[in-house]
Amino acid sequence: TFADSTPTCACQGPDGLLYIGTLALVDS
């Protein structure tokens, strides 16, 4: 809402797909 998403990490799940975590600092 207030800023960009800022992705910070990636990992591969048990299903073989990628999971990307975000910081979302300003909105938090």
PDB file of all heavy atoms in Angstrom:
ATOM      1  N   THR A   1       0.815  -1.211   0.000  1.00  0.00           N
ATOM      2  CA  THR A   1       0.000   0.000   0.000  1.00  0.00           C
ATOM      3  C   THR A   1       0.852   1.266   0.000  1.00  0.00           C
ATOM      4  O   THR A   1       0.605   2.204  -0.771  1.00  0.00           O
ATOM      5  CB  THR A   1      -0.921   0.016   1.231  1.00  0.00           C
ATOM      6  OG1 THR A   1      -1.754  -1.148   1.208  1.00  0.00           O
ATOM      7  CG2 THR A   1      -1.793   1.264   1.244  1.00  0.00           C
ATOM      8  N   PHE A   2       1.888   1.298   0.842  1.00  0.00           N
ATOM      9  CA  PHE A   2       2.683   2.505   1.017  1.00  0.00           C
ATOM     10  C   PHE A   2       4.061   2.437   0.371  1.00  0.00           C
ATOM     11  O   PHE A   2       4.719   3.471   0.216  1.00  0.00           O
ATOM     12  CB  PHE A   2       2.874   2.806   2.512  1.00  0.00           C
ATOM     13  CG  PHE A   2       1.597   3.137   3.232  1.00  0.00           C
ATOM     14  CD1 PHE A   2       1.299   2.546   4.450  1.00  0.00           C
ATOM     15  CD2 PHE A   2       0.700   4.039   2.697  1.00  0.00           C
ATOM     16  CE1 PHE A   2       0.124   2.854   5.121  1.00  0.00           C
ATOM     17  CE2 PHE A   2      -0.480   4.354   3.361  1.00  0.00           C
ATOM     18  CZ  PHE A   2      -0.776   3.757   4.579  1.00  0.00           C
ATOM     19  N   ALA A   3       4.532   1.252   0.031  1.00  0.00           N
ATOM     20  CA  ALA A   3       5.897   1.119  -0.500  1.00  0.00           C
ATOM     21  C   ALA A   3       5.981  -0.167  -1.305  1.00  0.00           C
ATOM     22  O   ALA A   3       5.005  -0.920  -1.432  1.00  0.00           O
ATOM     23  CB  ALA A   3       6.918   1.117   0.638  1.00  0.00           C
ATOM     24  N   ASP A   4       7.180  -0.428  -1.823  1.00  0.00           N
ATOM     25  CA  ASP A   4       7.357  -1.632  -2.610  1.00  0.00           C
ATOM     26  C   ASP A   4       7.458  -2.857  -1.714  1.00  0.00           C
ATOM     27  O   ASP A   4       7.597  -2.763  -0.491  1.00  0.00           O
ATOM     28  CB  ASP A   4       8.575  -1.512  -3.529  1.00  0.00           C
ATOM     29  CG  ASP A   4       9.820  -1.089  -2.783  1.00  0.00           C
ATOM     30  OD1 ASP A   4       9.712  -0.686  -1.616  1.00  0.00           O
ATOM     31  OD2 ASP A   4      10.913  -1.151  -3.368  1.00  0.00           O
ATOM     32  N   SER A   5       7.421  -4.027  -2.327  1.00  0.00           N
ATOM     33  CA  SER A   5       7.306  -5.276  -1.564  1.00  0.00           C
ATOM     34  C   SER A   5       8.615  -5.682  -0.881  1.00  0.00           C
ATOM     35  O   SER A   5       8.619  -6.247   0.194  1.00  0.00           O
ATOM     36  CB  SER A   5       6.848  -6.408  -2.477  1.00  0.00           C
ATOM     37  OG  SER A   5       7.755  -6.569  -3.558  1.00  0.00           O
ATOM     38  N   THR A   6       9.762  -5.422  -1.530  1.00  0.00           N
ATOM     39  CA  THR A   6      11.093  -5.738  -1.010  1.00  0.00           C
ATOM     40  C   THR A   6      11.253  -7.233  -0.702  1.00  0.00           C
ATOM     41  O   THR A   6      11.308  -7.647   0.454  1.00  0.00           O
ATOM     42  CB  THR A   6      11.419  -4.918   0.249  1.00  0.00           C
ATOM     43  OG1 THR A   6      11.013  -3.564   0.064  1.00  0.00           O
ATOM     44  CG2 THR A   6      12.903  -4.956   0.551  1.00  0.00           C
ATOM     45  N   PRO A   7      11.331  -8.071  -1.731  1.00  0.00           N
ATOM     46  CA  PRO A   7      11.589  -9.494  -1.480  1.00  0.00           C
ATOM     47  C   PRO A   7      12.992  -9.691  -0.924  1.00  0.00           C
ATOM     48  O   PRO A   7      13.944  -9.036  -1.352  1.00  0.00           O
ATOM     49  CB  PRO A   7      11.444 -10.116  -2.873  1.00  0.00           C
ATOM     50  CG  PRO A   7      11.743  -9.001  -3.822  1.00  0.00           C
ATOM     51  CD  PRO A   7      11.219  -7.764  -3.162  1.00  0.00           C
ATOM     52  N   THR A   8      13.116 -10.582   0.041  1.00  0.00           N
ATOM     53  CA  THR A   8      14.396 -10.749   0.736  1.00  0.00           C
ATOM     54  C   THR A   8      14.936 -12.169   0.720  1.00  0.00           C
ATOM     55  O   THR A   8      16.108 -12.371   1.036  1.00  0.00           O
ATOM     56  CB  THR A   8      14.258 -10.312   2.200  1.00  0.00           C
ATOM     57  OG1 THR A   8      13.143 -11.010   2.778  1.00  0.00           O
ATOM     58  CG2 THR A   8      14.040  -8.806   2.315  1.00  0.00           C
ATOM     59  N   CYS A   9      14.102 -13.165   0.402  1.00  0.00           N
ATOM     60  CA  CYS A   9      14.598 -14.534   0.499  1.00  0.00           C
ATOM     61  C   CYS A   9      13.838 -15.446  -0.443  1.00  0.00           C
ATOM     62  O   CYS A   9      12.694 -15.164  -0.828  1.00  0.00           O
ATOM     63  CB  CYS A   9      14.487 -15.054   1.931  1.00  0.00           C
ATOM     64  SG  CYS A   9      12.786 -15.185   2.537  1.00  0.00           S
ATOM     65  N   ALA A  10      14.488 -16.551  -0.808  1.00  0.00           N
ATOM     66  CA  ALA A  10      13.869 -17.559  -1.661  1.00  0.00           C
ATOM     67  C   ALA A  10      14.269 -18.934  -1.162  1.00  0.00           C
ATOM     68  O   ALA A  10      15.397 -19.154  -0.721  1.00  0.00           O
ATOM     69  CB  ALA A  10      14.300 -17.378  -3.111  1.00  0.00           C
ATOM     70  N   CYS A  11      13.342 -19.873  -1.228  1.00  0.00           N
ATOM     71  CA  CYS A  11      13.647 -21.257  -0.905  1.00  0.00           C
ATOM     72  C   CYS A  11      12.756 -22.158  -1.743  1.00  0.00           C
ATOM     73  O   CYS A  11      11.727 -21.720  -2.279  1.00  0.00           O
ATOM     74  CB  CYS A  11      13.478 -21.536   0.588  1.00  0.00           C
ATOM     75  SG  CYS A  11      11.862 -21.123   1.267  1.00  0.00           S
ATOM     76  N   GLN A  12      13.162 -23.406  -1.862  1.00  0.00           N
ATOM     77  CA  GLN A  12      12.398 -24.377  -2.636  1.00  0.00           C
ATOM     78  C   GLN A  12      11.569 -25.238  -1.698  1.00  0.00           C
ATOM     79  O   GLN A  12      12.079 -25.775  -0.712  1.00  0.00           O
ATOM     80  CB  GLN A  12      13.331 -25.248  -3.467  1.00  0.00           C
ATOM     81  CG  GLN A  12      12.623 -26.139  -4.480  1.00  0.00           C
ATOM     82  CD  GLN A  12      13.605 -26.865  -5.381  1.00  0.00           C
ATOM     83  OE1 GLN A  12      14.574 -27.464  -4.904  1.00  0.00           O
ATOM     84  NE2 GLN A  12      13.382 -26.806  -6.678  1.00  0.00           N
ATOM     85  N   GLY A  13      10.277 -25.345  -1.995  1.00  0.00           N
ATOM     86  CA  GLY A  13       9.376 -26.088  -1.134  1.00  0.00           C
ATOM     87  C   GLY A  13       9.371 -27.577  -1.427  1.00  0.00           C
ATOM     88  O   GLY A  13       9.963 -28.042  -2.412  1.00  0.00           O
ATOM     89  N   PRO A  14       8.693 -28.353  -0.589  1.00  0.00           N
ATOM     90  CA  PRO A  14       8.591 -29.793  -0.811  1.00  0.00           C
ATOM     91  C   PRO A  14       7.953 -30.149  -2.151  1.00  0.00           C
ATOM     92  O   PRO A  14       8.160 -31.252  -2.661  1.00  0.00           O
ATOM     93  CB  PRO A  14       7.714 -30.271   0.359  1.00  0.00           C
ATOM     94  CG  PRO A  14       7.857 -29.213   1.399  1.00  0.00           C
ATOM     95  CD  PRO A  14       8.037 -27.932   0.647  1.00  0.00           C
ATOM     96  N   ASP A  15       7.187 -29.205  -2.713  1.00  0.00           N
ATOM     97  CA  ASP A  15       6.547 -29.433  -4.004  1.00  0.00           C
ATOM     98  C   ASP A  15       7.436 -29.048  -5.182  1.00  0.00           C
ATOM     99  O   ASP A  15       7.012 -29.120  -6.339  1.00  0.00           O
ATOM    100  CB  ASP A  15       5.234 -28.654  -4.079  1.00  0.00           C
ATOM    101  CG  ASP A  15       5.408 -27.165  -3.782  1.00  0.00           C
ATOM    102  OD1 ASP A  15       6.554 -26.729  -3.526  1.00  0.00           O
ATOM    103  OD2 ASP A  15       4.401 -26.434  -3.789  1.00  0.00           O
ATOM    104  N   GLY A  16       8.663 -28.593  -4.900  1.00  0.00           N
ATOM    105  CA  GLY A  16       9.584 -28.201  -5.958  1.00  0.00           C
ATOM    106  C   GLY A  16       9.413 -26.787  -6.450  1.00  0.00           C
ATOM    107  O   GLY A  16      10.204 -26.319  -7.279  1.00  0.00           O
ATOM    108  N   LEU A  17       8.400 -26.067  -5.956  1.00  0.00           N
ATOM    109  CA  LEU A  17       8.185 -24.684  -6.364  1.00  0.00           C
ATOM    110  C   LEU A  17       8.975 -23.738  -5.463  1.00  0.00           C
ATOM    111  O   LEU A  17       9.496 -24.133  -4.424  1.00  0.00           O
ATOM    112  CB  LEU A  17       6.694 -24.358  -6.328  1.00  0.00           C
ATOM    113  CG  LEU A  17       5.806 -25.235  -7.220  1.00  0.00           C
ATOM    114  CD1 LEU A  17       4.375 -24.733  -7.222  1.00  0.00           C
ATOM    115  CD2 LEU A  17       6.343 -25.329  -8.647  1.00  0.00           C
ATOM    116  N   LEU A  18       9.041 -22.472  -5.875  1.00  0.00           N
ATOM    117  CA  LEU A  18       9.802 -21.481  -5.122  1.00  0.00           C
ATOM    118  C   LEU A  18       8.878 -20.684  -4.213  1.00  0.00           C
ATOM    119  O   LEU A  18       7.745 -20.340  -4.582  1.00  0.00           O
ATOM    120  CB  LEU A  18      10.543 -20.536  -6.065  1.00  0.00           C
ATOM    121  CG  LEU A  18      11.588 -21.165  -6.984  1.00  0.00           C
ATOM    122  CD1 LEU A  18      12.380 -20.073  -7.706  1.00  0.00           C
ATOM    123  CD2 LEU A  18      12.523 -22.088  -6.228  1.00  0.00           C
ATOM    124  N   TYR A  19       9.391 -20.364  -3.034  1.00  0.00           N
ATOM    125  CA  TYR A  19       8.675 -19.560  -2.048  1.00  0.00           C
ATOM    126  C   TYR A  19       9.530 -18.342  -1.742  1.00  0.00           C
ATOM    127  O   TYR A  19      10.690 -18.467  -1.346  1.00  0.00           O
ATOM    128  CB  TYR A  19       8.401 -20.394  -0.793  1.00  0.00           C
ATOM    129  CG  TYR A  19       7.399 -21.490  -1.057  1.00  0.00           C
ATOM    130  CD1 TYR A  19       7.758 -22.636  -1.758  1.00  0.00           C
ATOM    131  CD2 TYR A  19       6.075 -21.353  -0.653  1.00  0.00           C
ATOM    132  CE1 TYR A  19       6.832 -23.629  -2.036  1.00  0.00           C
ATOM    133  CE2 TYR A  19       5.144 -22.351  -0.919  1.00  0.00           C
ATOM    134  CZ  TYR A  19       5.530 -23.477  -1.617  1.00  0.00           C
ATOM    135  OH  TYR A  19       4.603 -24.458  -1.898  1.00  0.00           O
ATOM    136  N   ILE A  20       8.956 -17.155  -1.945  1.00  0.00           N
ATOM    137  CA  ILE A  20       9.674 -15.889  -1.835  1.00  0.00           C
ATOM    138  C   ILE A  20       9.077 -15.071  -0.703  1.00  0.00           C
ATOM    139  O   ILE A  20       7.882 -14.762  -0.710  1.00  0.00           O
ATOM    140  CB  ILE A  20       9.593 -15.072  -3.148  1.00  0.00           C
ATOM    141  CG1 ILE A  20       9.850 -15.952  -4.369  1.00  0.00           C
ATOM    142  CG2 ILE A  20      10.529 -13.873  -3.085  1.00  0.00           C
ATOM    143  CD1 ILE A  20      11.230 -16.532  -4.452  1.00  0.00           C
ATOM    144  N   GLY A  21       9.897 -14.715   0.281  1.00  0.00           N
ATOM    145  CA  GLY A  21       9.432 -13.900   1.389  1.00  0.00           C
ATOM    146  C   GLY A  21       9.722 -12.426   1.158  1.00  0.00           C
ATOM    147  O   GLY A  21      10.724 -12.071   0.534  1.00  0.00           O
ATOM    148  N   THR A  22       8.843 -11.561   1.670  1.00  0.00           N
ATOM    149  CA  THR A  22       9.013 -10.120   1.492  1.00  0.00           C
ATOM    150  C   THR A  22       9.204  -9.415   2.833  1.00  0.00           C
ATOM    151  O   THR A  22       8.782  -9.906   3.878  1.00  0.00           O
ATOM    152  CB  THR A  22       7.805  -9.494   0.773  1.00  0.00           C
ATOM    153  OG1 THR A  22       6.654  -9.537   1.635  1.00  0.00           O
ATOM    154  CG2 THR A  22       7.502 -10.221  -0.533  1.00  0.00           C
ATOM    155  N   LEU A  23       9.820  -8.237   2.758  1.00  0.00           N
ATOM    156  CA  LEU A  23      10.038  -7.422   3.949  1.00  0.00           C
ATOM    157  C   LEU A  23       8.809  -6.575   4.277  1.00  0.00           C
ATOM    158  O   LEU A  23       8.407  -6.475   5.434  1.00  0.00           O
ATOM    159  CB  LEU A  23      11.259  -6.525   3.732  1.00  0.00           C
ATOM    160  CG  LEU A  23      11.874  -5.875   4.965  1.00  0.00           C
ATOM    161  CD1 LEU A  23      12.537  -6.914   5.848  1.00  0.00           C
ATOM    162  CD2 LEU A  23      12.913  -4.825   4.538  1.00  0.00           C
ATOM    163  N   ALA A  24       8.253  -5.926   3.247  1.00  0.00           N
ATOM    164  CA  ALA A  24       7.074  -5.062   3.447  1.00  0.00           C
ATOM    165  C   ALA A  24       7.268  -4.153   4.652  1.00  0.00           C
ATOM    166  O   ALA A  24       6.379  -4.014   5.506  1.00  0.00           O
ATOM    167  CB  ALA A  24       5.816  -5.908   3.589  1.00  0.00           C
ATOM    168  N   LEU A  25       8.425  -3.511   4.714  1.00  0.00           N
ATOM    169  CA  LEU A  25       8.840  -2.811   5.930  1.00  0.00           C
ATOM    170  C   LEU A  25       7.938  -1.634   6.273  1.00  0.00           C
ATOM    171  O   LEU A  25       7.414  -1.533   7.384  1.00  0.00           O
ATOM    172  CB  LEU A  25      10.288  -2.351   5.775  1.00  0.00           C
ATOM    173  CG  LEU A  25      10.915  -1.696   6.997  1.00  0.00           C
ATOM    174  CD1 LEU A  25      11.045  -2.708   8.126  1.00  0.00           C
ATOM    175  CD2 LEU A  25      12.289  -1.120   6.639  1.00  0.00           C
ATOM    176  N   VAL A  26       7.752  -0.728   5.324  1.00  0.00           N
ATOM    177  CA  VAL A  26       6.992   0.495   5.612  1.00  0.00           C
ATOM    178  C   VAL A  26       5.554   0.160   5.986  1.00  0.00           C
ATOM    179  O   VAL A  26       4.997   0.713   6.951  1.00  0.00           O
ATOM    180  CB  VAL A  26       7.045   1.447   4.408  1.00  0.00           C
ATOM    181  CG1 VAL A  26       6.167   2.669   4.652  1.00  0.00           C
ATOM    182  CG2 VAL A  26       8.484   1.871   4.119  1.00  0.00           C
ATOM    183  N   ASP A  27       4.950  -0.749   5.238  1.00  0.00           N
ATOM    184  CA  ASP A  27       3.560  -1.108   5.537  1.00  0.00           C
ATOM    185  C   ASP A  27       3.437  -1.773   6.900  1.00  0.00           C
ATOM    186  O   ASP A  27       2.456  -1.560   7.614  1.00  0.00           O
ATOM    187  CB  ASP A  27       3.025  -2.022   4.436  1.00  0.00           C
ATOM    188  CG  ASP A  27       2.702  -1.257   3.171  1.00  0.00           C
ATOM    189  OD1 ASP A  27       3.649  -0.798   2.506  1.00  0.00           O
ATOM    190  OD2 ASP A  27       1.515  -1.081   2.854  1.00  0.00           O
ATOM    191  N   SER A  28       4.438  -2.569   7.292  1.00  0.00           N
ATOM    192  CA  SER A  28       4.387  -3.205   8.613  1.00  0.00           C
ATOM    193  C   SER A  28       4.532  -2.184   9.731  1.00  0.00           C
ATOM    194  O   SER A  28       3.977  -2.368  10.821  1.00  0.00           O
ATOM    195  CB  SER A  28       5.485  -4.261   8.722  1.00  0.00           C
ATOM    196  OG  SER A  28       5.247  -5.328   7.826  1.00  0.00           O
TER     197      SER A  28
END
